[in-house]
Amino acid sequence: MKTALLEKVEQSQLKEDVPEFRIGDSVRVHVRIKEGEKTRIQVFAGTVIARDGGGANATFTVRRISFGEGVERVFPLHSPYVAKVEVERSGAVRRAKLYYMRKLTSKQSRLKEVPQ
């Protein structure tokens, strides 16, 4: 139940160049990191295991294995800190959320690739 004013403000916050990616895709997320006065770009690569929300509140969760430990990060899709999202490969999945990947080891967690 959003008013016209709220919808107009939300539309101004949305990004224009959001890439098309789905659950199961391997992505590289370029994140702006601010350290003191300087800003730099840091890349977080992994598999998209969830997408939540809609509009300006849309988020996506990326999971990767780093030094034998599972690491997940939730990124706001329309955040100015997310510089860009690159899709490396598309995975064939039949679920909306891939939370079961948390229990799998590296070889078990491989997804079949979708031919393009």
PDB file of N, CA and C in Angstrom:
ATOM      1  N   MET A   1       0.836  -1.181   0.000  1.00  0.00           N
ATOM      2  CA  MET A   1       0.000   0.000   0.000  1.00  0.00           C
ATOM      3  C   MET A   1       0.876   1.236   0.000  1.00  0.00           C
ATOM      4  N   LYS A   2       1.551   1.459  -1.071  1.00  0.00           N
ATOM      5  CA  LYS A   2       2.423   2.622  -1.166  1.00  0.00           C
ATOM      6  C   LYS A   2       1.669   3.786  -1.792  1.00  0.00           C
ATOM      7  N   THR A   3       1.967   4.945  -1.308  1.00  0.00           N
ATOM      8  CA  THR A   3       1.368   6.132  -1.901  1.00  0.00           C
ATOM      9  C   THR A   3       2.150   6.521  -3.157  1.00  0.00           C
ATOM     10  N   ALA A   4       1.585   7.398  -3.929  1.00  0.00           N
ATOM     11  CA  ALA A   4       2.239   7.832  -5.167  1.00  0.00           C
ATOM     12  C   ALA A   4       3.559   8.529  -4.869  1.00  0.00           C
ATOM     13  N   LEU A   5       3.614   9.264  -3.767  1.00  0.00           N
ATOM     14  CA  LEU A   5       4.845   9.963  -3.405  1.00  0.00           C
ATOM     15  C   LEU A   5       5.958   8.969  -3.062  1.00  0.00           C
ATOM     16  N   LEU A   6       5.634   7.930  -2.285  1.00  0.00           N
ATOM     17  CA  LEU A   6       6.636   6.922  -1.936  1.00  0.00           C
ATOM     18  C   LEU A   6       7.128   6.186  -3.176  1.00  0.00           C
ATOM     19  N   GLU A   7       6.228   5.863  -4.086  1.00  0.00           N
ATOM     20  CA  GLU A   7       6.624   5.175  -5.303  1.00  0.00           C
ATOM     21  C   GLU A   7       7.531   6.043  -6.170  1.00  0.00           C
ATOM     22  N   LYS A   8       7.251   7.342  -6.204  1.00  0.00           N
ATOM     23  CA  LYS A   8       8.081   8.259  -6.996  1.00  0.00           C
ATOM     24  C   LYS A   8       9.489   8.364  -6.418  1.00  0.00           C
ATOM     25  N   VAL A   9       9.593   8.428  -5.098  1.00  0.00           N
ATOM     26  CA  VAL A   9      10.903   8.484  -4.440  1.00  0.00           C
ATOM     27  C   VAL A   9      11.651   7.180  -4.673  1.00  0.00           C
ATOM     28  N   GLU A  10      10.947   6.047  -4.576  1.00  0.00           N
ATOM     29  CA  GLU A  10      11.587   4.753  -4.786  1.00  0.00           C
ATOM     30  C   GLU A  10      12.081   4.609  -6.221  1.00  0.00           C
ATOM     31  N   GLN A  11      11.334   5.092  -7.188  1.00  0.00           N
ATOM     32  CA  GLN A  11      11.741   5.019  -8.588  1.00  0.00           C
ATOM     33  C   GLN A  11      13.024   5.804  -8.842  1.00  0.00           C
ATOM     34  N   SER A  12      13.209   6.900  -8.115  1.00  0.00           N
ATOM     35  CA  SER A  12      14.426   7.696  -8.303  1.00  0.00           C
ATOM     36  C   SER A  12      15.657   6.993  -7.727  1.00  0.00           C
ATOM     37  N   GLN A  13      15.444   6.050  -6.807  1.00  0.00           N
ATOM     38  CA  GLN A  13      16.552   5.330  -6.174  1.00  0.00           C
ATOM     39  C   GLN A  13      17.002   4.105  -6.972  1.00  0.00           C
ATOM     40  N   LEU A  14      16.197   3.648  -7.920  1.00  0.00           N
ATOM     41  CA  LEU A  14      16.508   2.427  -8.659  1.00  0.00           C
ATOM     42  C   LEU A  14      17.617   2.655  -9.672  1.00  0.00           C
ATOM     43  N   LYS A  15      18.446   1.619  -9.857  1.00  0.00           N
ATOM     44  CA  LYS A  15      19.499   1.659 -10.869  1.00  0.00           C
ATOM     45  C   LYS A  15      18.900   1.341 -12.225  1.00  0.00           C
ATOM     46  N   GLU A  16      19.508   1.891 -13.261  1.00  0.00           N
ATOM     47  CA  GLU A  16      19.048   1.652 -14.624  1.00  0.00           C
ATOM     48  C   GLU A  16      19.709   0.413 -15.237  1.00  0.00           C
ATOM     49  N   ASP A  17      20.975   0.176 -14.876  1.00  0.00           N
ATOM     50  CA  ASP A  17      21.780  -0.851 -15.547  1.00  0.00           C
ATOM     51  C   ASP A  17      21.974  -2.111 -14.702  1.00  0.00           C
ATOM     52  N   VAL A  18      20.884  -2.659 -14.183  1.00  0.00           N
ATOM     53  CA  VAL A  18      20.970  -3.889 -13.385  1.00  0.00           C
ATOM     54  C   VAL A  18      21.036  -5.075 -14.347  1.00  0.00           C
ATOM     55  N   PRO A  19      22.076  -5.921 -14.246  1.00  0.00           N
ATOM     56  CA  PRO A  19      22.179  -7.056 -15.170  1.00  0.00           C
ATOM     57  C   PRO A  19      21.148  -8.133 -14.845  1.00  0.00           C
ATOM     58  N   GLU A  20      20.877  -8.961 -15.824  1.00  0.00           N
ATOM     59  CA  GLU A  20      19.929 -10.055 -15.660  1.00  0.00           C
ATOM     60  C   GLU A  20      20.686 -11.267 -15.111  1.00  0.00           C
ATOM     61  N   PHE A  21      20.382 -11.683 -13.885  1.00  0.00           N
ATOM     62  CA  PHE A  21      20.967 -12.896 -13.323  1.00  0.00           C
ATOM     63  C   PHE A  21      19.926 -13.591 -12.467  1.00  0.00           C
ATOM     64  N   ARG A  22      20.111 -14.909 -12.306  1.00  0.00           N
ATOM     65  CA  ARG A  22      19.133 -15.724 -11.596  1.00  0.00           C
ATOM     66  C   ARG A  22      19.802 -16.518 -10.491  1.00  0.00           C
ATOM     67  N   ILE A  23      18.985 -17.249  -9.751  1.00  0.00           N
ATOM     68  CA  ILE A  23      19.489 -18.125  -8.708  1.00  0.00           C
ATOM     69  C   ILE A  23      20.325 -19.222  -9.375  1.00  0.00           C
ATOM     70  N   GLY A  24      21.470 -19.547  -8.793  1.00  0.00           N
ATOM     71  CA  GLY A  24      22.343 -20.585  -9.340  1.00  0.00           C
ATOM     72  C   GLY A  24      23.426 -20.053 -10.252  1.00  0.00           C
ATOM     73  N   ASP A  25      23.359 -18.788 -10.624  1.00  0.00           N
ATOM     74  CA  ASP A  25      24.382 -18.210 -11.485  1.00  0.00           C
ATOM     75  C   ASP A  25      25.655 -17.923 -10.682  1.00  0.00           C
ATOM     76  N   SER A  26      26.798 -18.114 -11.310  1.00  0.00           N
ATOM     77  CA  SER A  26      28.070 -17.714 -10.714  1.00  0.00           C
ATOM     78  C   SER A  26      28.321 -16.273 -11.122  1.00  0.00           C
ATOM     79  N   VAL A  27      28.510 -15.407 -10.139  1.00  0.00           N
ATOM     80  CA  VAL A  27      28.653 -13.981 -10.418  1.00  0.00           C
ATOM     81  C   VAL A  27      29.900 -13.420  -9.760  1.00  0.00           C
ATOM     82  N   ARG A  28      30.348 -12.283 -10.280  1.00  0.00           N
ATOM     83  CA  ARG A  28      31.415 -11.487  -9.675  1.00  0.00           C
ATOM     84  C   ARG A  28      30.797 -10.145  -9.338  1.00  0.00           C
ATOM     85  N   VAL A  29      30.741  -9.831  -8.043  1.00  0.00           N
ATOM     86  CA  VAL A  29      30.150  -8.579  -7.579  1.00  0.00           C
ATOM     87  C   VAL A  29      31.283  -7.610  -7.264  1.00  0.00           C
ATOM     88  N   HIS A  30      31.297  -6.470  -7.932  1.00  0.00           N
ATOM     89  CA  HIS A  30      32.302  -5.434  -7.706  1.00  0.00           C
ATOM     90  C   HIS A  30      31.724  -4.456  -6.688  1.00  0.00           C
ATOM     91  N   VAL A  31      32.351  -4.405  -5.502  1.00  0.00           N
ATOM     92  CA  VAL A  31      31.844  -3.611  -4.386  1.00  0.00           C
ATOM     93  C   VAL A  31      32.799  -2.461  -4.111  1.00  0.00           C
ATOM     94  N   ARG A  32      32.244  -1.268  -3.923  1.00  0.00           N
ATOM     95  CA  ARG A  32      33.066  -0.114  -3.539  1.00  0.00           C
ATOM     96  C   ARG A  32      33.307  -0.178  -2.034  1.00  0.00           C
ATOM     97  N   ILE A  33      34.586  -0.147  -1.652  1.00  0.00           N
ATOM     98  CA  ILE A  33      34.986  -0.178  -0.242  1.00  0.00           C
ATOM     99  C   ILE A  33      35.589   1.176   0.089  1.00  0.00           C
ATOM    100  N   LYS A  34      35.146   1.785   1.170  1.00  0.00           N
ATOM    101  CA  LYS A  34      35.696   3.069   1.583  1.00  0.00           C
ATOM    102  C   LYS A  34      36.651   2.834   2.759  1.00  0.00           C
ATOM    103  N   GLU A  35      37.898   3.228   2.569  1.00  0.00           N
ATOM    104  CA  GLU A  35      38.922   3.098   3.615  1.00  0.00           C
ATOM    105  C   GLU A  35      39.488   4.482   3.881  1.00  0.00           C
ATOM    106  N   GLY A  36      39.043   5.088   4.947  1.00  0.00           N
ATOM    107  CA  GLY A  36      39.480   6.447   5.245  1.00  0.00           C
ATOM    108  C   GLY A  36      38.916   7.407   4.226  1.00  0.00           C
ATOM    109  N   GLU A  37      39.797   8.084   3.498  1.00  0.00           N
ATOM    110  CA  GLU A  37      39.379   9.026   2.468  1.00  0.00           C
ATOM    111  C   GLU A  37      39.280   8.377   1.093  1.00  0.00           C
ATOM    112  N   LYS A  38      39.949   7.225   0.918  1.00  0.00           N
ATOM    113  CA  LYS A  38      40.016   6.587  -0.390  1.00  0.00           C
ATOM    114  C   LYS A  38      38.912   5.548  -0.564  1.00  0.00           C
ATOM    115  N   THR A  39      38.513   5.333  -1.800  1.00  0.00           N
ATOM    116  CA  THR A  39      37.594   4.247  -2.124  1.00  0.00           C
ATOM    117  C   THR A  39      38.272   3.350  -3.153  1.00  0.00           C
ATOM    118  N   ARG A  40      37.972   2.064  -3.054  1.00  0.00           N
ATOM    119  CA  ARG A  40      38.520   1.100  -4.000  1.00  0.00           C
ATOM    120  C   ARG A  40      37.446   0.074  -4.314  1.00  0.00           C
ATOM    121  N   ILE A  41      37.692  -0.715  -5.346  1.00  0.00           N
ATOM    122  CA  ILE A  41      36.761  -1.756  -5.766  1.00  0.00           C
ATOM    123  C   ILE A  41      37.297  -3.104  -5.300  1.00  0.00           C
ATOM    124  N   GLN A  42      36.432  -3.884  -4.649  1.00  0.00           N
ATOM    125  CA  GLN A  42      36.782  -5.240  -4.233  1.00  0.00           C
ATOM    126  C   GLN A  42      35.803  -6.201  -4.885  1.00  0.00           C
ATOM    127  N   VAL A  43      36.308  -7.321  -5.402  1.00  0.00           N
ATOM    128  CA  VAL A  43      35.466  -8.281  -6.109  1.00  0.00           C
ATOM    129  C   VAL A  43      35.129  -9.436  -5.184  1.00  0.00           C
ATOM    130  N   PHE A  44      33.835  -9.784  -5.126  1.00  0.00           N
ATOM    131  CA  PHE A  44      33.364 -10.940  -4.369  1.00  0.00           C
ATOM    132  C   PHE A  44      32.705 -11.879  -5.372  1.00  0.00           C
ATOM    133  N   ALA A  45      33.331 -13.032  -5.610  1.00  0.00           N
ATOM    134  CA  ALA A  45      32.823 -13.980  -6.601  1.00  0.00           C
ATOM    135  C   ALA A  45      32.216 -15.175  -5.893  1.00  0.00           C
ATOM    136  N   GLY A  46      31.089 -15.657  -6.413  1.00  0.00           N
ATOM    137  CA  GLY A  46      30.437 -16.818  -5.829  1.00  0.00           C
ATOM    138  C   GLY A  46      29.150 -17.152  -6.560  1.00  0.00           C
ATOM    139  N   THR A  47      28.330 -17.990  -5.921  1.00  0.00           N
ATOM    140  CA  THR A  47      27.069 -18.451  -6.494  1.00  0.00           C
ATOM    141  C   THR A  47      25.914 -17.726  -5.837  1.00  0.00           C
ATOM    142  N   VAL A  48      24.971 -17.264  -6.627  1.00  0.00           N
ATOM    143  CA  VAL A  48      23.771 -16.611  -6.092  1.00  0.00           C
ATOM    144  C   VAL A  48      22.870 -17.699  -5.527  1.00  0.00           C
ATOM    145  N   ILE A  49      22.603 -17.645  -4.206  1.00  0.00           N
ATOM    146  CA  ILE A  49      21.761 -18.669  -3.594  1.00  0.00           C
ATOM    147  C   ILE A  49      20.375 -18.149  -3.242  1.00  0.00           C
ATOM    148  N   ALA A  50      20.164 -16.820  -3.289  1.00  0.00           N
ATOM    149  CA  ALA A  50      18.842 -16.282  -2.958  1.00  0.00           C
ATOM    150  C   ALA A  50      18.690 -14.881  -3.513  1.00  0.00           C
ATOM    151  N   ARG A  51      17.447 -14.533  -3.829  1.00  0.00           N
ATOM    152  CA  ARG A  51      17.065 -13.155  -4.156  1.00  0.00           C
ATOM    153  C   ARG A  51      15.833 -12.842  -3.328  1.00  0.00           C
ATOM    154  N   ASP A  52      15.817 -11.661  -2.727  1.00  0.00           N
ATOM    155  CA  ASP A  52      14.716 -11.275  -1.850  1.00  0.00           C
ATOM    156  C   ASP A  52      14.248  -9.874  -2.179  1.00  0.00           C
ATOM    157  N   GLY A  53      13.018  -9.589  -1.796  1.00  0.00           N
ATOM    158  CA  GLY A  53      12.487  -8.239  -1.896  1.00  0.00           C
ATOM    159  C   GLY A  53      12.189  -7.828  -3.320  1.00  0.00           C
ATOM    160  N   GLY A  54      11.789  -6.584  -3.438  1.00  0.00           N
ATOM    161  CA  GLY A  54      11.469  -6.030  -4.734  1.00  0.00           C
ATOM    162  C   GLY A  54      11.657  -4.531  -4.704  1.00  0.00           C
ATOM    163  N   GLY A  55      11.751  -3.926  -5.864  1.00  0.00           N
ATOM    164  CA  GLY A  55      11.926  -2.488  -5.943  1.00  0.00           C
ATOM    165  C   GLY A  55      13.270  -2.066  -5.386  1.00  0.00           C
ATOM    166  N   ALA A  56      13.266  -1.000  -4.601  1.00  0.00           N
ATOM    167  CA  ALA A  56      14.515  -0.485  -4.029  1.00  0.00           C
ATOM    168  C   ALA A  56      15.036  -1.375  -2.906  1.00  0.00           C
ATOM    169  N   ASN A  57      14.202  -2.262  -2.382  1.00  0.00           N
ATOM    170  CA  ASN A  57      14.606  -3.139  -1.277  1.00  0.00           C
ATOM    171  C   ASN A  57      15.119  -4.492  -1.743  1.00  0.00           C
ATOM    172  N   ALA A  58      15.307  -4.696  -3.027  1.00  0.00           N
ATOM    173  CA  ALA A  58      15.740  -5.985  -3.556  1.00  0.00           C
ATOM    174  C   ALA A  58      17.171  -6.295  -3.120  1.00  0.00           C
ATOM    175  N   THR A  59      17.382  -7.533  -2.669  1.00  0.00           N
ATOM    176  CA  THR A  59      18.715  -7.983  -2.276  1.00  0.00           C
ATOM    177  C   THR A  59      18.995  -9.337  -2.911  1.00  0.00           C
ATOM    178  N   PHE A  60      20.279  -9.700  -2.960  1.00  0.00           N
ATOM    179  CA  PHE A  60      20.669 -11.033  -3.399  1.00  0.00           C
ATOM    180  C   PHE A  60      21.810 -11.512  -2.529  1.00  0.00           C
ATOM    181  N   THR A  61      21.844 -12.833  -2.299  1.00  0.00           N
ATOM    182  CA  THR A  61      22.843 -13.452  -1.434  1.00  0.00           C
ATOM    183  C   THR A  61      23.806 -14.252  -2.293  1.00  0.00           C
ATOM    184  N   VAL A  62      25.102 -14.021  -2.080  1.00  0.00           N
ATOM    185  CA  VAL A  62      26.152 -14.717  -2.831  1.00  0.00           C
ATOM    186  C   VAL A  62      26.977 -15.533  -1.841  1.00  0.00           C
ATOM    187  N   ARG A  63      27.237 -16.808  -2.210  1.00  0.00           N
ATOM    188  CA  ARG A  63      27.987 -17.709  -1.337  1.00  0.00           C
ATOM    189  C   ARG A  63      29.220 -18.212  -2.065  1.00  0.00           C
ATOM    190  N   ARG A  64      30.311 -18.295  -1.333  1.00  0.00           N
ATOM    191  CA  ARG A  64      31.534 -18.887  -1.870  1.00  0.00           C
ATOM    192  C   ARG A  64      32.269 -19.600  -0.752  1.00  0.00           C
ATOM    193  N   ILE A  65      33.216 -20.445  -1.123  1.00  0.00           N
ATOM    194  CA  ILE A  65      34.063 -21.146  -0.161  1.00  0.00           C
ATOM    195  C   ILE A  65      35.414 -20.447  -0.170  1.00  0.00           C
ATOM    196  N   SER A  66      35.830 -19.945   0.993  1.00  0.00           N
ATOM    197  CA  SER A  66      37.086 -19.234   1.108  1.00  0.00           C
ATOM    198  C   SER A  66      37.937 -19.892   2.187  1.00  0.00           C
ATOM    199  N   PHE A  67      39.058 -20.471   1.785  1.00  0.00           N
ATOM    200  CA  PHE A  67      39.968 -21.171   2.694  1.00  0.00           C
ATOM    201  C   PHE A  67      39.242 -22.259   3.474  1.00  0.00           C
ATOM    202  N   GLY A  68      38.373 -22.995   2.784  1.00  0.00           N
ATOM    203  CA  GLY A  68      37.661 -24.111   3.399  1.00  0.00           C
ATOM    204  C   GLY A  68      36.466 -23.713   4.240  1.00  0.00           C
ATOM    205  N   GLU A  69      36.153 -22.449   4.297  1.00  0.00           N
ATOM    206  CA  GLU A  69      35.058 -21.930   5.111  1.00  0.00           C
ATOM    207  C   GLU A  69      34.032 -21.279   4.197  1.00  0.00           C
ATOM    208  N   GLY A  70      32.758 -21.556   4.413  1.00  0.00           N
ATOM    209  CA  GLY A  70      31.707 -20.953   3.611  1.00  0.00           C
ATOM    210  C   GLY A  70      31.483 -19.502   4.015  1.00  0.00           C
ATOM    211  N   VAL A  71      31.435 -18.614   3.028  1.00  0.00           N
ATOM    212  CA  VAL A  71      31.231 -17.187   3.284  1.00  0.00           C
ATOM    213  C   VAL A  71      30.036 -16.729   2.449  1.00  0.00           C
ATOM    214  N   GLU A  72      29.090 -16.043   3.095  1.00  0.00           N
ATOM    215  CA  GLU A  72      27.935 -15.510   2.389  1.00  0.00           C
ATOM    216  C   GLU A  72      27.854 -14.013   2.622  1.00  0.00           C
ATOM    217  N   ARG A  73      27.474 -13.294   1.574  1.00  0.00           N
ATOM    218  CA  ARG A  73      27.244 -11.859   1.702  1.00  0.00           C
ATOM    219  C   ARG A  73      25.922 -11.515   1.047  1.00  0.00           C
ATOM    220  N   VAL A  74      25.194 -10.622   1.672  1.00  0.00           N
ATOM    221  CA  VAL A  74      23.927 -10.142   1.137  1.00  0.00           C
ATOM    222  C   VAL A  74      24.169  -8.740   0.592  1.00  0.00           C
ATOM    223  N   PHE A  75      23.843  -8.543  -0.681  1.00  0.00           N
ATOM    224  CA  PHE A  75      24.057  -7.263  -1.342  1.00  0.00           C
ATOM    225  C   PHE A  75      22.728  -6.626  -1.699  1.00  0.00           C
ATOM    226  N   PRO A  76      22.530  -5.341  -1.401  1.00  0.00           N
ATOM    227  CA  PRO A  76      21.365  -4.627  -1.937  1.00  0.00           C
ATOM    228  C   PRO A  76      21.568  -4.428  -3.435  1.00  0.00           C
ATOM    229  N   LEU A  77      20.593  -4.771  -4.217  1.00  0.00           N
ATOM    230  CA  LEU A  77      20.727  -4.743  -5.672  1.00  0.00           C
ATOM    231  C   LEU A  77      20.920  -3.331  -6.212  1.00  0.00           C
ATOM    232  N   HIS A  78      20.242  -2.356  -5.626  1.00  0.00           N
ATOM    233  CA  HIS A  78      20.277  -0.983  -6.138  1.00  0.00           C
ATOM    234  C   HIS A  78      21.182  -0.067  -5.319  1.00  0.00           C
ATOM    235  N   SER A  79      22.086  -0.645  -4.533  1.00  0.00           N
ATOM    236  CA  SER A  79      22.987   0.146  -3.702  1.00  0.00           C
ATOM    237  C   SER A  79      24.052   0.838  -4.548  1.00  0.00           C
ATOM    238  N   PRO A  80      24.419   2.071  -4.195  1.00  0.00           N
ATOM    239  CA  PRO A  80      25.519   2.724  -4.914  1.00  0.00           C
ATOM    240  C   PRO A  80      26.874   2.074  -4.626  1.00  0.00           C
ATOM    241  N   TYR A  81      26.971   1.253  -3.581  1.00  0.00           N
ATOM    242  CA  TYR A  81      28.219   0.569  -3.259  1.00  0.00           C
ATOM    243  C   TYR A  81      28.459  -0.643  -4.154  1.00  0.00           C
ATOM    244  N   VAL A  82      27.421  -1.161  -4.782  1.00  0.00           N
ATOM    245  CA  VAL A  82      27.595  -2.252  -5.745  1.00  0.00           C
ATOM    246  C   VAL A  82      27.869  -1.618  -7.097  1.00  0.00           C
ATOM    247  N   ALA A  83      29.136  -1.668  -7.515  1.00  0.00           N
ATOM    248  CA  ALA A  83      29.540  -1.013  -8.763  1.00  0.00           C
ATOM    249  C   ALA A  83      28.973  -1.747  -9.966  1.00  0.00           C
ATOM    250  N   LYS A  84      29.179  -3.077 -10.021  1.00  0.00           N
ATOM    251  CA  LYS A  84      28.602  -3.861 -11.112  1.00  0.00           C
ATOM    252  C   LYS A  84      28.560  -5.327 -10.721  1.00  0.00           C
ATOM    253  N   VAL A  85      27.727  -6.067 -11.441  1.00  0.00           N
ATOM    254  CA  VAL A  85      27.577  -7.504 -11.241  1.00  0.00           C
ATOM    255  C   VAL A  85      27.820  -8.165 -12.589  1.00  0.00           C
ATOM    256  N   GLU A  86      28.824  -9.057 -12.636  1.00  0.00           N
ATOM    257  CA  GLU A  86      29.136  -9.776 -13.869  1.00  0.00           C
ATOM    258  C   GLU A  86      28.692 -11.229 -13.716  1.00  0.00           C
ATOM    259  N   VAL A  87      27.980 -11.738 -14.692  1.00  0.00           N
ATOM    260  CA  VAL A  87      27.568 -13.139 -14.672  1.00  0.00           C
ATOM    261  C   VAL A  87      28.641 -13.950 -15.387  1.00  0.00           C
ATOM    262  N   GLU A  88      29.247 -14.912 -14.656  1.00  0.00           N
ATOM    263  CA  GLU A  88      30.292 -15.748 -15.240  1.00  0.00           C
ATOM    264  C   GLU A  88      29.692 -16.954 -15.946  1.00  0.00           C
ATOM    265  N   ARG A  89      28.773 -17.649 -15.267  1.00  0.00           N
ATOM    266  CA  ARG A  89      28.106 -18.806 -15.857  1.00  0.00           C
ATOM    267  C   ARG A  89      26.746 -18.972 -15.213  1.00  0.00           C
ATOM    268  N   SER A  90      25.838 -19.622 -15.925  1.00  0.00           N
ATOM    269  CA  SER A  90      24.486 -19.836 -15.422  1.00  0.00           C
ATOM    270  C   SER A  90      24.329 -21.285 -14.991  1.00  0.00           C
ATOM    271  N   GLY A  91      23.757 -21.496 -13.824  1.00  0.00           N
ATOM    272  CA  GLY A  91      23.541 -22.839 -13.307  1.00  0.00           C
ATOM    273  C   GLY A  91      22.092 -23.258 -13.454  1.00  0.00           C
ATOM    274  N   ALA A  92      21.886 -24.549 -13.712  1.00  0.00           N
ATOM    275  CA  ALA A  92      20.536 -25.096 -13.846  1.00  0.00           C
ATOM    276  C   ALA A  92      20.047 -25.522 -12.470  1.00  0.00           C
ATOM    277  N   VAL A  93      19.044 -24.830 -11.951  1.00  0.00           N
ATOM    278  CA  VAL A  93      18.493 -25.155 -10.639  1.00  0.00           C
ATOM    279  C   VAL A  93      16.973 -25.231 -10.727  1.00  0.00           C
ATOM    280  N   ARG A  94      16.366 -25.902  -9.743  1.00  0.00           N
ATOM    281  CA  ARG A  94      14.919 -26.057  -9.721  1.00  0.00           C
ATOM    282  C   ARG A  94      14.327 -25.515  -8.432  1.00  0.00           C
ATOM    283  N   ARG A  95      15.058 -24.657  -7.750  1.00  0.00           N
ATOM    284  CA  ARG A  95      14.609 -24.097  -6.482  1.00  0.00           C
ATOM    285  C   ARG A  95      14.727 -22.581  -6.524  1.00  0.00           C
ATOM    286  N   ALA A  96      13.939 -21.917  -5.688  1.00  0.00           N
ATOM    287  CA  ALA A  96      14.012 -20.468  -5.588  1.00  0.00           C
ATOM    288  C   ALA A  96      15.103 -20.037  -4.617  1.00  0.00           C
ATOM    289  N   LYS A  97      15.395 -20.875  -3.636  1.00  0.00           N
ATOM    290  CA  LYS A  97      16.449 -20.601  -2.659  1.00  0.00           C
ATOM    291  C   LYS A  97      17.348 -21.832  -2.587  1.00  0.00           C
ATOM    292  N   LEU A  98      18.643 -21.618  -2.601  1.00  0.00           N
ATOM    293  CA  LEU A  98      19.599 -22.732  -2.590  1.00  0.00           C
ATOM    294  C   LEU A  98      20.273 -22.867  -1.233  1.00  0.00           C
ATOM    295  N   TYR A  99      19.495 -22.788  -0.154  1.00  0.00           N
ATOM    296  CA  TYR A  99      20.065 -22.872   1.185  1.00  0.00           C
ATOM    297  C   TYR A  99      20.651 -24.250   1.472  1.00  0.00           C
ATOM    298  N   TYR A 100      20.244 -25.277   0.729  1.00  0.00           N
ATOM    299  CA  TYR A 100      20.795 -26.610   0.922  1.00  0.00           C
ATOM    300  C   TYR A 100      22.274 -26.656   0.565  1.00  0.00           C
ATOM    301  N   MET A 101      22.767 -25.674  -0.189  1.00  0.00           N
ATOM    302  CA  MET A 101      24.183 -25.632  -0.577  1.00  0.00           C
ATOM    303  C   MET A 101      25.089 -25.446   0.643  1.00  0.00           C
ATOM    304  N   ARG A 102      24.528 -24.941   1.737  1.00  0.00           N
ATOM    305  CA  ARG A 102      25.329 -24.720   2.943  1.00  0.00           C
ATOM    306  C   ARG A 102      25.837 -26.019   3.533  1.00  0.00           C
ATOM    307  N   LYS A 103      25.134 -27.112   3.305  1.00  0.00           N
ATOM    308  CA  LYS A 103      25.509 -28.402   3.888  1.00  0.00           C
ATOM    309  C   LYS A 103      26.420 -29.221   2.983  1.00  0.00           C
ATOM    310  N   LEU A 104      26.613 -28.790   1.739  1.00  0.00           N
ATOM    311  CA  LEU A 104      27.361 -29.586   0.775  1.00  0.00           C
ATOM    312  C   LEU A 104      28.834 -29.219   0.754  1.00  0.00           C
ATOM    313  N   THR A 105      29.658 -30.203   0.397  1.00  0.00           N
ATOM    314  CA  THR A 105      31.087 -29.943   0.232  1.00  0.00           C
ATOM    315  C   THR A 105      31.336 -29.447  -1.191  1.00  0.00           C
ATOM    316  N   SER A 106      32.571 -29.140  -1.508  1.00  0.00           N
ATOM    317  CA  SER A 106      32.876 -28.449  -2.765  1.00  0.00           C
ATOM    318  C   SER A 106      32.465 -29.243  -4.004  1.00  0.00           C
ATOM    319  N   LYS A 107      32.744 -30.517  -4.050  1.00  0.00           N
ATOM    320  CA  LYS A 107      32.423 -31.276  -5.258  1.00  0.00           C
ATOM    321  C   LYS A 107      30.921 -31.519  -5.376  1.00  0.00           C
ATOM    322  N   GLN A 108      30.244 -31.678  -4.247  1.00  0.00           N
ATOM    323  CA  GLN A 108      28.800 -31.902  -4.259  1.00  0.00           C
ATOM    324  C   GLN A 108      28.038 -30.634  -4.641  1.00  0.00           C
ATOM    325  N   SER A 109      28.632 -29.483  -4.396  1.00  0.00           N
ATOM    326  CA  SER A 109      27.913 -28.228  -4.595  1.00  0.00           C
ATOM    327  C   SER A 109      28.013 -27.694  -6.019  1.00  0.00           C
ATOM    328  N   ARG A 110      28.566 -28.457  -6.946  1.00  0.00           N
ATOM    329  CA  ARG A 110      28.657 -28.015  -8.321  1.00  0.00           C
ATOM    330  C   ARG A 110      27.294 -28.092  -8.988  1.00  0.00           C
ATOM    331  N   LEU A 111      26.971 -27.080  -9.755  1.00  0.00           N
ATOM    332  CA  LEU A 111      25.704 -27.022 -10.467  1.00  0.00           C
ATOM    333  C   LEU A 111      25.941 -27.270 -11.948  1.00  0.00           C
ATOM    334  N   LYS A 112      24.968 -27.915 -12.593  1.00  0.00           N
ATOM    335  CA  LYS A 112      25.065 -28.085 -14.042  1.00  0.00           C
ATOM    336  C   LYS A 112      24.910 -26.742 -14.720  1.00  0.00           C
ATOM    337  N   GLU A 113      25.632 -26.574 -15.808  1.00  0.00           N
ATOM    338  CA  GLU A 113      25.578 -25.288 -16.527  1.00  0.00           C
ATOM    339  C   GLU A 113      24.451 -25.301 -17.537  1.00  0.00           C
ATOM    340  N   VAL A 114      23.783 -24.155 -17.649  1.00  0.00           N
ATOM    341  CA  VAL A 114      22.714 -23.999 -18.615  1.00  0.00           C
ATOM    342  C   VAL A 114      23.324 -23.618 -19.953  1.00  0.00           C
ATOM    343  N   PRO A 115      23.036 -24.366 -21.019  1.00  0.00           N
ATOM    344  CA  PRO A 115      23.571 -23.953 -22.329  1.00  0.00           C
ATOM    345  C   PRO A 115      22.882 -22.682 -22.798  1.00  0.00           C
ATOM    346  N   GLN A 116      23.661 -21.791 -23.414  1.00  0.00           N
ATOM    347  CA  GLN A 116      23.081 -20.505 -23.806  1.00  0.00           C
ATOM    348  C   GLN A 116      22.810 -20.421 -25.253  1.00  0.00           C
TER     349      GLN A 116
END
